[in-house]
């Protein structure tokens, strides 16, 4: 087994290039160039609150309903997995807990779709 590991290590060492990219002599600039900074400053919104960019209250309600719907879907999937797991290992408590989690997920899902 040691010979096999040593052989793989030797093969990996022999397959590496002569100069590693991280150890190369040519350095790449980390900071953005002046042109990039000027372009980013031109795209930046002016400070303060703009009237046209406020989110209406209806948009927040829709987004909350989507998150509740997604949460309901996830809870239904977890509940189904709990039911299947409980049935496979013949454990009543896990099966019942999965059914409860799935039922709560169904409730959240139906409330979000109204």
PDB file of N, CA and C in Angstrom:
ATOM      1  N   UNK A   1       0.817  -1.187   0.000  1.00  0.00           N
ATOM      2  CA  UNK A   1       0.000   0.000   0.000  1.00  0.00           C
ATOM      3  C   UNK A   1       0.863   1.254   0.000  1.00  0.00           C
ATOM      4  N   UNK A   2       1.966   1.208   0.775  1.00  0.00           N
ATOM      5  CA  UNK A   2       2.860   2.364   0.822  1.00  0.00           C
ATOM      6  C   UNK A   2       3.524   2.602  -0.520  1.00  0.00           C
ATOM      7  N   UNK A   3       3.805   1.546  -1.204  1.00  0.00           N
ATOM      8  CA  UNK A   3       4.439   1.680  -2.523  1.00  0.00           C
ATOM      9  C   UNK A   3       3.477   2.334  -3.508  1.00  0.00           C
ATOM     10  N   UNK A   4       2.213   1.992  -3.405  1.00  0.00           N
ATOM     11  CA  UNK A   4       1.205   2.567  -4.293  1.00  0.00           C
ATOM     12  C   UNK A   4       1.053   4.063  -4.037  1.00  0.00           C
ATOM     13  N   UNK A   5       1.002   4.453  -2.770  1.00  0.00           N
ATOM     14  CA  UNK A   5       0.889   5.866  -2.419  1.00  0.00           C
ATOM     15  C   UNK A   5       2.142   6.617  -2.852  1.00  0.00           C
ATOM     16  N   UNK A   6       3.302   6.020  -2.629  1.00  0.00           N
ATOM     17  CA  UNK A   6       4.552   6.659  -3.044  1.00  0.00           C
ATOM     18  C   UNK A   6       4.611   6.782  -4.560  1.00  0.00           C
ATOM     19  N   UNK A   7       4.101   5.799  -5.270  1.00  0.00           N
ATOM     20  CA  UNK A   7       4.083   5.862  -6.727  1.00  0.00           C
ATOM     21  C   UNK A   7       3.180   6.971  -7.235  1.00  0.00           C
ATOM     22  N   UNK A   8       2.001   7.109  -6.617  1.00  0.00           N
ATOM     23  CA  UNK A   8       1.092   8.201  -7.009  1.00  0.00           C
ATOM     24  C   UNK A   8       1.699   9.567  -6.693  1.00  0.00           C
ATOM     25  N   UNK A   9       2.373   9.671  -5.553  1.00  0.00           N
ATOM     26  CA  UNK A   9       3.011  10.941  -5.193  1.00  0.00           C
ATOM     27  C   UNK A   9       4.114  11.283  -6.178  1.00  0.00           C
ATOM     28  N   UNK A  10       4.901  10.309  -6.571  1.00  0.00           N
ATOM     29  CA  UNK A  10       5.972  10.535  -7.549  1.00  0.00           C
ATOM     30  C   UNK A  10       5.400  10.902  -8.910  1.00  0.00           C
ATOM     31  N   UNK A  11       4.311  10.245  -9.286  1.00  0.00           N
ATOM     32  CA  UNK A  11       3.654  10.563 -10.562  1.00  0.00           C
ATOM     33  C   UNK A  11       3.090  11.978 -10.540  1.00  0.00           C
ATOM     34  N   UNK A  12       2.481  12.387  -9.447  1.00  0.00           N
ATOM     35  CA  UNK A  12       1.937  13.742  -9.336  1.00  0.00           C
ATOM     36  C   UNK A  12       3.041  14.782  -9.367  1.00  0.00           C
ATOM     37  N   UNK A  13       4.166  14.493  -8.733  1.00  0.00           N
ATOM     38  CA  UNK A  13       5.299  15.412  -8.739  1.00  0.00           C
ATOM     39  C   UNK A  13       5.897  15.533 -10.127  1.00  0.00           C
ATOM     40  N   UNK A  14       5.965  14.428 -10.844  1.00  0.00           N
ATOM     41  CA  UNK A  14       6.546  14.449 -12.189  1.00  0.00           C
ATOM     42  C   UNK A  14       5.617  15.118 -13.192  1.00  0.00           C
ATOM     43  N   UNK A  15       4.313  15.110 -12.937  1.00  0.00           N
ATOM     44  CA  UNK A  15       3.355  15.676 -13.883  1.00  0.00           C
ATOM     45  C   UNK A  15       3.199  17.182 -13.719  1.00  0.00           C
ATOM     46  N   UNK A  16       3.699  17.764 -12.631  1.00  0.00           N
ATOM     47  CA  UNK A  16       3.553  19.202 -12.438  1.00  0.00           C
ATOM     48  C   UNK A  16       4.493  19.956 -13.362  1.00  0.00           C
ATOM     49  N   UNK A  17       4.083  21.121 -13.824  1.00  0.00           N
ATOM     50  CA  UNK A  17       4.956  21.899 -14.702  1.00  0.00           C
ATOM     51  C   UNK A  17       6.167  22.422 -13.948  1.00  0.00           C
ATOM     52  N   UNK A  18       7.160  22.866 -14.695  1.00  0.00           N
ATOM     53  CA  UNK A  18       8.396  23.337 -14.081  1.00  0.00           C
ATOM     54  C   UNK A  18       8.165  24.550 -13.185  1.00  0.00           C
ATOM     55  N   UNK A  19       7.387  25.480 -13.680  1.00  0.00           N
ATOM     56  CA  UNK A  19       7.106  26.678 -12.894  1.00  0.00           C
ATOM     57  C   UNK A  19       5.633  26.703 -12.537  1.00  0.00           C
ATOM     58  N   UNK A  20       5.349  26.722 -11.287  1.00  0.00           N
ATOM     59  CA  UNK A  20       3.968  26.805 -10.838  1.00  0.00           C
ATOM     60  C   UNK A  20       3.452  28.221 -11.066  1.00  0.00           C
ATOM     61  N   UNK A  21       2.152  28.339 -11.299  1.00  0.00           N
ATOM     62  CA  UNK A  21       1.563  29.644 -11.556  1.00  0.00           C
ATOM     63  C   UNK A  21       1.656  30.528 -10.318  1.00  0.00           C
ATOM     64  N   UNK A  22       1.444  29.967  -9.140  1.00  0.00           N
ATOM     65  CA  UNK A  22       1.476  30.757  -7.916  1.00  0.00           C
ATOM     66  C   UNK A  22       2.876  31.226  -7.584  1.00  0.00           C
ATOM     67  N   UNK A  23       3.886  30.559  -8.110  1.00  0.00           N
ATOM     68  CA  UNK A  23       5.258  30.911  -7.791  1.00  0.00           C
ATOM     69  C   UNK A  23       5.963  31.586  -8.957  1.00  0.00           C
ATOM     70  N   UNK A  24       5.218  32.055  -9.926  1.00  0.00           N
ATOM     71  CA  UNK A  24       5.848  32.661 -11.084  1.00  0.00           C
ATOM     72  C   UNK A  24       6.420  34.019 -10.714  1.00  0.00           C
ATOM     73  N   UNK A  25       7.451  34.422 -11.460  1.00  0.00           N
ATOM     74  CA  UNK A  25       8.129  35.683 -11.185  1.00  0.00           C
ATOM     75  C   UNK A  25       7.283  36.876 -11.620  1.00  0.00           C
ATOM     76  N   UNK A  26       6.478  36.730 -12.668  1.00  0.00           N
ATOM     77  CA  UNK A  26       5.653  37.827 -13.150  1.00  0.00           C
ATOM     78  C   UNK A  26       4.449  37.982 -12.234  1.00  0.00           C
ATOM     79  N   UNK A  27       4.300  39.153 -11.664  1.00  0.00           N
ATOM     80  CA  UNK A  27       3.171  39.369 -10.753  1.00  0.00           C
ATOM     81  C   UNK A  27       2.029  40.040 -11.501  1.00  0.00           C
ATOM     82  N   UNK A  28       0.842  39.673 -11.140  1.00  0.00           N
ATOM     83  CA  UNK A  28      -0.354  40.259 -11.726  1.00  0.00           C
ATOM     84  C   UNK A  28      -0.888  41.325 -10.779  1.00  0.00           C
ATOM     85  N   UNK A  29      -1.376  42.447 -11.313  1.00  0.00           N
ATOM     86  CA  UNK A  29      -1.901  43.483 -10.411  1.00  0.00           C
ATOM     87  C   UNK A  29      -3.184  43.019  -9.729  1.00  0.00           C
ATOM     88  N   UNK A  30      -3.268  43.290  -8.449  1.00  0.00           N
ATOM     89  CA  UNK A  30      -4.440  42.908  -7.682  1.00  0.00           C
ATOM     90  C   UNK A  30      -5.482  44.018  -7.726  1.00  0.00           C
ATOM     91  N   UNK A  31      -5.046  45.261  -7.676  1.00  0.00           N
ATOM     92  CA  UNK A  31      -5.958  46.401  -7.653  1.00  0.00           C
ATOM     93  C   UNK A  31      -6.495  46.669  -9.062  1.00  0.00           C
ATOM     94  N   UNK A  32      -7.697  47.220  -9.175  1.00  0.00           N
ATOM     95  CA  UNK A  32      -8.240  47.546 -10.497  1.00  0.00           C
ATOM     96  C   UNK A  32      -7.479  48.716 -11.119  1.00  0.00           C
ATOM     97  N   UNK A  33      -7.541  48.783 -12.425  1.00  0.00           N
ATOM     98  CA  UNK A  33      -6.841  49.859 -13.122  1.00  0.00           C
ATOM     99  C   UNK A  33      -7.594  51.178 -12.949  1.00  0.00           C
ATOM    100  N   UNK A  34      -6.940  52.275 -13.340  1.00  0.00           N
ATOM    101  CA  UNK A  34      -7.558  53.593 -13.205  1.00  0.00           C
ATOM    102  C   UNK A  34      -8.814  53.688 -14.066  1.00  0.00           C
ATOM    103  N   UNK A  35      -8.789  53.109 -15.268  1.00  0.00           N
ATOM    104  CA  UNK A  35      -9.947  53.144 -16.148  1.00  0.00           C
ATOM    105  C   UNK A  35     -11.147  52.417 -15.559  1.00  0.00           C
ATOM    106  N   UNK A  36     -10.900  51.320 -14.889  1.00  0.00           N
ATOM    107  CA  UNK A  36     -11.983  50.573 -14.249  1.00  0.00           C
ATOM    108  C   UNK A  36     -12.603  51.385 -13.123  1.00  0.00           C
ATOM    109  N   UNK A  37     -11.763  52.070 -12.347  1.00  0.00           N
ATOM    110  CA  UNK A  37     -12.286  52.891 -11.258  1.00  0.00           C
ATOM    111  C   UNK A  37     -13.107  54.068 -11.779  1.00  0.00           C
ATOM    112  N   UNK A  38     -12.665  54.686 -12.867  1.00  0.00           N
ATOM    113  CA  UNK A  38     -13.410  55.809 -13.438  1.00  0.00           C
ATOM    114  C   UNK A  38     -14.754  55.332 -13.971  1.00  0.00           C
ATOM    115  N   UNK A  39     -14.768  54.184 -14.655  1.00  0.00           N
ATOM    116  CA  UNK A  39     -16.027  53.646 -15.189  1.00  0.00           C
ATOM    117  C   UNK A  39     -16.985  53.280 -14.060  1.00  0.00           C
ATOM    118  N   UNK A  40     -16.470  52.737 -12.970  1.00  0.00           N
ATOM    119  CA  UNK A  40     -17.329  52.377 -11.837  1.00  0.00           C
ATOM    120  C   UNK A  40     -17.888  53.621 -11.163  1.00  0.00           C
ATOM    121  N   UNK A  41     -17.095  54.686 -11.087  1.00  0.00           N
ATOM    122  CA  UNK A  41     -17.576  55.925 -10.482  1.00  0.00           C
ATOM    123  C   UNK A  41     -18.663  56.559 -11.342  1.00  0.00           C
ATOM    124  N   UNK A  42     -18.573  56.428 -12.661  1.00  0.00           N
ATOM    125  CA  UNK A  42     -19.604  56.973 -13.532  1.00  0.00           C
ATOM    126  C   UNK A  42     -20.918  56.216 -13.392  1.00  0.00           C
ATOM    127  N   UNK A  43     -20.856  54.924 -13.090  1.00  0.00           N
ATOM    128  CA  UNK A  43     -22.064  54.113 -12.969  1.00  0.00           C
ATOM    129  C   UNK A  43     -22.726  54.227 -11.601  1.00  0.00           C
ATOM    130  N   UNK A  44     -22.035  54.766 -10.623  1.00  0.00           N
ATOM    131  CA  UNK A  44     -22.555  54.835  -9.264  1.00  0.00           C
ATOM    132  C   UNK A  44     -23.724  55.813  -9.182  1.00  0.00           C
ATOM    133  N   UNK A  45     -24.755  55.437  -8.459  1.00  0.00           N
ATOM    134  CA  UNK A  45     -25.911  56.299  -8.274  1.00  0.00           C
ATOM    135  C   UNK A  45     -25.563  57.444  -7.336  1.00  0.00           C
ATOM    136  N   UNK A  46     -26.163  58.593  -7.523  1.00  0.00           N
ATOM    137  CA  UNK A  46     -25.900  59.693  -6.604  1.00  0.00           C
ATOM    138  C   UNK A  46     -26.439  59.368  -5.221  1.00  0.00           C
ATOM    139  N   UNK A  47     -25.858  59.976  -4.207  1.00  0.00           N
ATOM    140  CA  UNK A  47     -26.259  59.723  -2.828  1.00  0.00           C
ATOM    141  C   UNK A  47     -27.643  60.261  -2.543  1.00  0.00           C
ATOM    142  N   UNK A  48     -28.217  59.830  -1.469  1.00  0.00           N
ATOM    143  CA  UNK A  48     -29.552  60.282  -1.104  1.00  0.00           C
ATOM    144  C   UNK A  48     -30.612  59.314  -1.584  1.00  0.00           C
ATOM    145  N   UNK A  49     -31.824  59.609  -1.223  1.00  0.00           N
ATOM    146  CA  UNK A  49     -32.936  58.733  -1.567  1.00  0.00           C
ATOM    147  C   UNK A  49     -33.606  59.229  -2.849  1.00  0.00           C
ATOM    148  N   UNK A  50     -33.741  58.332  -3.799  1.00  0.00           N
ATOM    149  CA  UNK A  50     -34.402  58.669  -5.049  1.00  0.00           C
ATOM    150  C   UNK A  50     -35.845  58.188  -4.981  1.00  0.00           C
ATOM    151  N   UNK A  51     -36.757  59.002  -5.492  1.00  0.00           N
ATOM    152  CA  UNK A  51     -38.173  58.662  -5.379  1.00  0.00           C
ATOM    153  C   UNK A  51     -38.565  57.503  -6.283  1.00  0.00           C
ATOM    154  N   UNK A  52     -37.949  57.372  -7.437  1.00  0.00           N
ATOM    155  CA  UNK A  52     -38.343  56.338  -8.378  1.00  0.00           C
ATOM    156  C   UNK A  52     -37.836  54.953  -8.031  1.00  0.00           C
ATOM    157  N   UNK A  53     -36.922  54.844  -7.062  1.00  0.00           N
ATOM    158  CA  UNK A  53     -36.319  53.556  -6.761  1.00  0.00           C
ATOM    159  C   UNK A  53     -36.912  52.878  -5.528  1.00  0.00           C
ATOM    160  N   UNK A  54     -37.924  53.454  -4.940  1.00  0.00           N
ATOM    161  CA  UNK A  54     -38.524  52.827  -3.765  1.00  0.00           C
ATOM    162  C   UNK A  54     -39.403  51.651  -4.182  1.00  0.00           C
ATOM    163  N   UNK A  55     -39.348  50.603  -3.419  1.00  0.00           N
ATOM    164  CA  UNK A  55     -40.146  49.422  -3.713  1.00  0.00           C
ATOM    165  C   UNK A  55     -41.560  49.620  -3.165  1.00  0.00           C
ATOM    166  N   UNK A  56     -42.553  49.406  -3.990  1.00  0.00           N
ATOM    167  CA  UNK A  56     -43.919  49.556  -3.497  1.00  0.00           C
ATOM    168  C   UNK A  56     -44.256  48.465  -2.480  1.00  0.00           C
ATOM    169  N   UNK A  57     -45.257  48.743  -1.672  1.00  0.00           N
ATOM    170  CA  UNK A  57     -45.657  47.803  -0.618  1.00  0.00           C
ATOM    171  C   UNK A  57     -46.177  46.496  -1.214  1.00  0.00           C
ATOM    172  N   UNK A  58     -46.829  46.547  -2.371  1.00  0.00           N
ATOM    173  CA  UNK A  58     -47.348  45.325  -2.996  1.00  0.00           C
ATOM    174  C   UNK A  58     -46.217  44.390  -3.385  1.00  0.00           C
ATOM    175  N   UNK A  59     -45.073  44.961  -3.807  1.00  0.00           N
ATOM    176  CA  UNK A  59     -43.921  44.129  -4.168  1.00  0.00           C
ATOM    177  C   UNK A  59     -43.375  43.368  -2.982  1.00  0.00           C
ATOM    178  N   UNK A  60     -43.395  43.998  -1.808  1.00  0.00           N
ATOM    179  CA  UNK A  60     -42.921  43.324  -0.602  1.00  0.00           C
ATOM    180  C   UNK A  60     -43.849  42.188  -0.206  1.00  0.00           C
ATOM    181  N   UNK A  61     -45.152  42.393  -0.377  1.00  0.00           N
ATOM    182  CA  UNK A  61     -46.118  41.343  -0.052  1.00  0.00           C
ATOM    183  C   UNK A  61     -45.928  40.151  -0.983  1.00  0.00           C
ATOM    184  N   UNK A  62     -45.716  40.426  -2.266  1.00  0.00           N
ATOM    185  CA  UNK A  62     -45.505  39.340  -3.239  1.00  0.00           C
ATOM    186  C   UNK A  62     -44.235  38.578  -2.914  1.00  0.00           C
ATOM    187  N   UNK A  63     -43.167  39.316  -2.572  1.00  0.00           N
ATOM    188  CA  UNK A  63     -41.910  38.648  -2.240  1.00  0.00           C
ATOM    189  C   UNK A  63     -42.056  37.801  -0.977  1.00  0.00           C
ATOM    190  N   UNK A  64     -42.794  38.284   0.008  1.00  0.00           N
ATOM    191  CA  UNK A  64     -43.006  37.509   1.224  1.00  0.00           C
ATOM    192  C   UNK A  64     -43.829  36.254   0.926  1.00  0.00           C
ATOM    193  N   UNK A  65     -44.824  36.375   0.050  1.00  0.00           N
ATOM    194  CA  UNK A  65     -45.639  35.217  -0.314  1.00  0.00           C
ATOM    195  C   UNK A  65     -44.791  34.180  -1.039  1.00  0.00           C
ATOM    196  N   UNK A  66     -43.873  34.644  -1.899  1.00  0.00           N
ATOM    197  CA  UNK A  66     -42.991  33.697  -2.597  1.00  0.00           C
ATOM    198  C   UNK A  66     -42.082  32.965  -1.622  1.00  0.00           C
ATOM    199  N   UNK A  67     -41.551  33.702  -0.628  1.00  0.00           N
ATOM    200  CA  UNK A  67     -40.669  33.039   0.331  1.00  0.00           C
ATOM    201  C   UNK A  67     -41.448  32.052   1.186  1.00  0.00           C
ATOM    202  N   UNK A  68     -42.702  32.391   1.551  1.00  0.00           N
ATOM    203  CA  UNK A  68     -43.522  31.446   2.312  1.00  0.00           C
ATOM    204  C   UNK A  68     -43.861  30.222   1.465  1.00  0.00           C
ATOM    205  N   UNK A  69     -44.108  30.443   0.178  1.00  0.00           N
ATOM    206  CA  UNK A  69     -44.408  29.321  -0.710  1.00  0.00           C
ATOM    207  C   UNK A  69     -43.194  28.412  -0.842  1.00  0.00           C
ATOM    208  N   UNK A  70     -42.025  29.016  -1.001  1.00  0.00           N
ATOM    209  CA  UNK A  70     -40.797  28.225  -1.120  1.00  0.00           C
ATOM    210  C   UNK A  70     -40.526  27.472   0.175  1.00  0.00           C
ATOM    211  N   UNK A  71     -40.742  28.140   1.304  1.00  0.00           N
ATOM    212  CA  UNK A  71     -40.543  27.482   2.592  1.00  0.00           C
ATOM    213  C   UNK A  71     -41.516  26.311   2.746  1.00  0.00           C
ATOM    214  N   UNK A  72     -42.755  26.493   2.286  1.00  0.00           N
ATOM    215  CA  UNK A  72     -43.731  25.409   2.338  1.00  0.00           C
ATOM    216  C   UNK A  72     -43.318  24.234   1.481  1.00  0.00           C
ATOM    217  N   UNK A  73     -42.788  24.526   0.273  1.00  0.00           N
ATOM    218  CA  UNK A  73     -42.328  23.442  -0.597  1.00  0.00           C
ATOM    219  C   UNK A  73     -41.190  22.668   0.051  1.00  0.00           C
ATOM    220  N   UNK A  74     -40.257  23.384   0.648  1.00  0.00           N
ATOM    221  CA  UNK A  74     -39.119  22.725   1.291  1.00  0.00           C
ATOM    222  C   UNK A  74     -39.598  21.871   2.467  1.00  0.00           C
ATOM    223  N   UNK A  75     -40.522  22.393   3.256  1.00  0.00           N
ATOM    224  CA  UNK A  75     -41.018  21.626   4.402  1.00  0.00           C
ATOM    225  C   UNK A  75     -41.792  20.393   3.960  1.00  0.00           C
ATOM    226  N   UNK A  76     -42.521  20.493   2.838  1.00  0.00           N
ATOM    227  CA  UNK A  76     -43.225  19.307   2.334  1.00  0.00           C
ATOM    228  C   UNK A  76     -42.233  18.242   1.883  1.00  0.00           C
ATOM    229  N   UNK A  77     -41.137  18.647   1.243  1.00  0.00           N
ATOM    230  CA  UNK A  77     -40.123  17.685   0.799  1.00  0.00           C
ATOM    231  C   UNK A  77     -39.464  17.030   2.001  1.00  0.00           C
ATOM    232  N   UNK A  78     -39.114  17.832   3.011  1.00  0.00           N
ATOM    233  CA  UNK A  78     -38.489  17.272   4.215  1.00  0.00           C
ATOM    234  C   UNK A  78     -39.459  16.343   4.936  1.00  0.00           C
ATOM    235  N   UNK A  79     -40.736  16.715   4.978  1.00  0.00           N
ATOM    236  CA  UNK A  79     -41.728  15.862   5.608  1.00  0.00           C
ATOM    237  C   UNK A  79     -41.893  14.536   4.889  1.00  0.00           C
ATOM    238  N   UNK A  80     -41.902  14.571   3.553  1.00  0.00           N
ATOM    239  CA  UNK A  80     -42.001  13.323   2.789  1.00  0.00           C
ATOM    240  C   UNK A  80     -40.778  12.450   3.030  1.00  0.00           C
ATOM    241  N   UNK A  81     -39.605  13.070   3.107  1.00  0.00           N
ATOM    242  CA  UNK A  81     -38.394  12.296   3.394  1.00  0.00           C
ATOM    243  C   UNK A  81     -38.463  11.694   4.793  1.00  0.00           C
ATOM    244  N   UNK A  82     -39.017  12.431   5.737  1.00  0.00           N
ATOM    245  CA  UNK A  82     -39.175  11.901   7.087  1.00  0.00           C
ATOM    246  C   UNK A  82     -40.145  10.739   7.136  1.00  0.00           C
ATOM    247  N   UNK A  83     -41.230  10.837   6.384  1.00  0.00           N
ATOM    248  CA  UNK A  83     -42.199   9.740   6.334  1.00  0.00           C
ATOM    249  C   UNK A  83     -41.559   8.492   5.744  1.00  0.00           C
ATOM    250  N   UNK A  84     -40.858   8.656   4.632  1.00  0.00           N
ATOM    251  CA  UNK A  84     -40.222   7.498   3.984  1.00  0.00           C
ATOM    252  C   UNK A  84     -39.161   6.898   4.895  1.00  0.00           C
ATOM    253  N   UNK A  85     -38.364   7.757   5.535  1.00  0.00           N
ATOM    254  CA  UNK A  85     -37.326   7.257   6.444  1.00  0.00           C
ATOM    255  C   UNK A  85     -37.944   6.510   7.615  1.00  0.00           C
ATOM    256  N   UNK A  86     -38.995   7.070   8.197  1.00  0.00           N
ATOM    257  CA  UNK A  86     -39.658   6.408   9.319  1.00  0.00           C
ATOM    258  C   UNK A  86     -40.255   5.079   8.933  1.00  0.00           C
ATOM    259  N   UNK A  87     -40.811   4.991   7.715  1.00  0.00           N
ATOM    260  CA  UNK A  87     -41.376   3.712   7.264  1.00  0.00           C
ATOM    261  C   UNK A  87     -40.282   2.688   6.978  1.00  0.00           C
ATOM    262  N   UNK A  88     -39.151   3.152   6.433  1.00  0.00           N
ATOM    263  CA  UNK A  88     -38.074   2.211   6.123  1.00  0.00           C
ATOM    264  C   UNK A  88     -37.426   1.630   7.372  1.00  0.00           C
ATOM    265  N   UNK A  89     -37.248   2.464   8.396  1.00  0.00           N
ATOM    266  CA  UNK A  89     -36.596   1.949   9.599  1.00  0.00           C
ATOM    267  C   UNK A  89     -37.616   1.507  10.649  1.00  0.00           C
ATOM    268  N   UNK A  90     -38.902   1.545  10.296  1.00  0.00           N
ATOM    269  CA  UNK A  90     -39.996   1.092  11.158  1.00  0.00           C
ATOM    270  C   UNK A  90     -39.987   1.833  12.495  1.00  0.00           C
ATOM    271  N   UNK A  91     -39.929   3.172  12.414  1.00  0.00           N
ATOM    272  CA  UNK A  91     -39.951   4.015  13.599  1.00  0.00           C
ATOM    273  C   UNK A  91     -41.156   4.948  13.503  1.00  0.00           C
ATOM    274  N   UNK A  92     -42.102   4.761  14.427  1.00  0.00           N
ATOM    275  CA  UNK A  92     -43.353   5.512  14.383  1.00  0.00           C
ATOM    276  C   UNK A  92     -43.150   7.001  14.626  1.00  0.00           C
ATOM    277  N   UNK A  93     -42.263   7.355  15.553  1.00  0.00           N
ATOM    278  CA  UNK A  93     -42.058   8.752  15.910  1.00  0.00           C
ATOM    279  C   UNK A  93     -41.535   9.562  14.719  1.00  0.00           C
ATOM    280  N   UNK A  94     -40.594   9.013  13.969  1.00  0.00           N
ATOM    281  CA  UNK A  94     -40.049   9.712  12.802  1.00  0.00           C
ATOM    282  C   UNK A  94     -41.113   9.848  11.723  1.00  0.00           C
ATOM    283  N   UNK A  95     -41.932   8.826  11.539  1.00  0.00           N
ATOM    284  CA  UNK A  95     -43.002   8.879  10.544  1.00  0.00           C
ATOM    285  C   UNK A  95     -44.017   9.957  10.896  1.00  0.00           C
ATOM    286  N   UNK A  96     -44.401  10.020  12.162  1.00  0.00           N
ATOM    287  CA  UNK A  96     -45.372  11.027  12.596  1.00  0.00           C
ATOM    288  C   UNK A  96     -44.768  12.428  12.500  1.00  0.00           C
ATOM    289  N   UNK A  97     -43.509  12.586  12.895  1.00  0.00           N
ATOM    290  CA  UNK A  97     -42.855  13.891  12.795  1.00  0.00           C
ATOM    291  C   UNK A  97     -42.758  14.338  11.335  1.00  0.00           C
ATOM    292  N   UNK A  98     -42.463  13.412  10.430  1.00  0.00           N
ATOM    293  CA  UNK A  98     -42.432  13.750   9.010  1.00  0.00           C
ATOM    294  C   UNK A  98     -43.783  14.178   8.497  1.00  0.00           C
ATOM    295  N   UNK A  99     -44.835  13.512   8.969  1.00  0.00           N
ATOM    296  CA  UNK A  99     -46.185  13.886   8.553  1.00  0.00           C
ATOM    297  C   UNK A  99     -46.557  15.268   9.077  1.00  0.00           C
ATOM    298  N   UNK A 100     -46.138  15.588  10.297  1.00  0.00           N
ATOM    299  CA  UNK A 100     -46.427  16.910  10.860  1.00  0.00           C
ATOM    300  C   UNK A 100     -45.688  17.995  10.090  1.00  0.00           C
ATOM    301  N   UNK A 101     -44.410  17.767   9.807  1.00  0.00           N
ATOM    302  CA  UNK A 101     -43.625  18.752   9.062  1.00  0.00           C
ATOM    303  C   UNK A 101     -44.204  18.933   7.657  1.00  0.00           C
ATOM    304  N   UNK A 102     -44.584  17.858   7.018  1.00  0.00           N
ATOM    305  CA  UNK A 102     -45.206  17.956   5.699  1.00  0.00           C
ATOM    306  C   UNK A 102     -46.533  18.685   5.739  1.00  0.00           C
ATOM    307  N   UNK A 103     -47.324  18.461   6.781  1.00  0.00           N
ATOM    308  CA  UNK A 103     -48.604  19.159   6.926  1.00  0.00           C
ATOM    309  C   UNK A 103     -48.424  20.644   7.150  1.00  0.00           C
ATOM    310  N   UNK A 104     -47.447  21.026   7.966  1.00  0.00           N
ATOM    311  CA  UNK A 104     -47.168  22.449   8.178  1.00  0.00           C
ATOM    312  C   UNK A 104     -46.677  23.081   6.879  1.00  0.00           C
ATOM    313  N   UNK A 105     -45.848  22.356   6.131  1.00  0.00           N
ATOM    314  CA  UNK A 105     -45.391  22.857   4.836  1.00  0.00           C
ATOM    315  C   UNK A 105     -46.532  23.034   3.859  1.00  0.00           C
ATOM    316  N   UNK A 106     -47.483  22.102   3.864  1.00  0.00           N
ATOM    317  CA  UNK A 106     -48.662  22.232   3.007  1.00  0.00           C
ATOM    318  C   UNK A 106     -49.492  23.446   3.409  1.00  0.00           C
ATOM    319  N   UNK A 107     -49.624  23.690   4.708  1.00  0.00           N
ATOM    320  CA  UNK A 107     -50.357  24.862   5.188  1.00  0.00           C
ATOM    321  C   UNK A 107     -49.694  26.151   4.701  1.00  0.00           C
ATOM    322  N   UNK A 108     -48.349  26.260   4.864  1.00  0.00           N
ATOM    323  CA  UNK A 108     -47.634  27.447   4.395  1.00  0.00           C
ATOM    324  C   UNK A 108     -47.795  27.630   2.896  1.00  0.00           C
ATOM    325  N   UNK A 109     -47.714  26.530   2.159  1.00  0.00           N
ATOM    326  CA  UNK A 109     -47.820  26.601   0.696  1.00  0.00           C
ATOM    327  C   UNK A 109     -49.200  27.090   0.270  1.00  0.00           C
ATOM    328  N   UNK A 110     -50.249  26.550   0.910  1.00  0.00           N
ATOM    329  CA  UNK A 110     -51.610  26.954   0.541  1.00  0.00           C
ATOM    330  C   UNK A 110     -51.913  28.388   0.965  1.00  0.00           C
ATOM    331  N   UNK A 111     -51.360  28.832   2.077  1.00  0.00           N
ATOM    332  CA  UNK A 111     -51.560  30.216   2.511  1.00  0.00           C
ATOM    333  C   UNK A 111     -50.859  31.193   1.581  1.00  0.00           C
ATOM    334  N   UNK A 112     -49.717  30.807   1.019  1.00  0.00           N
ATOM    335  CA  UNK A 112     -48.969  31.684   0.116  1.00  0.00           C
ATOM    336  C   UNK A 112     -49.612  31.764  -1.258  1.00  0.00           C
ATOM    337  N   UNK A 113     -50.367  30.752  -1.653  1.00  0.00           N
ATOM    338  CA  UNK A 113     -50.972  30.770  -2.988  1.00  0.00           C
ATOM    339  C   UNK A 113     -52.331  31.441  -3.019  1.00  0.00           C
ATOM    340  N   UNK A 114     -52.846  31.860  -1.883  1.00  0.00           N
ATOM    341  CA  UNK A 114     -54.145  32.552  -1.855  1.00  0.00           C
ATOM    342  C   UNK A 114     -54.043  33.930  -2.413  1.00  0.00           C
TER     343      UNK A 114
END
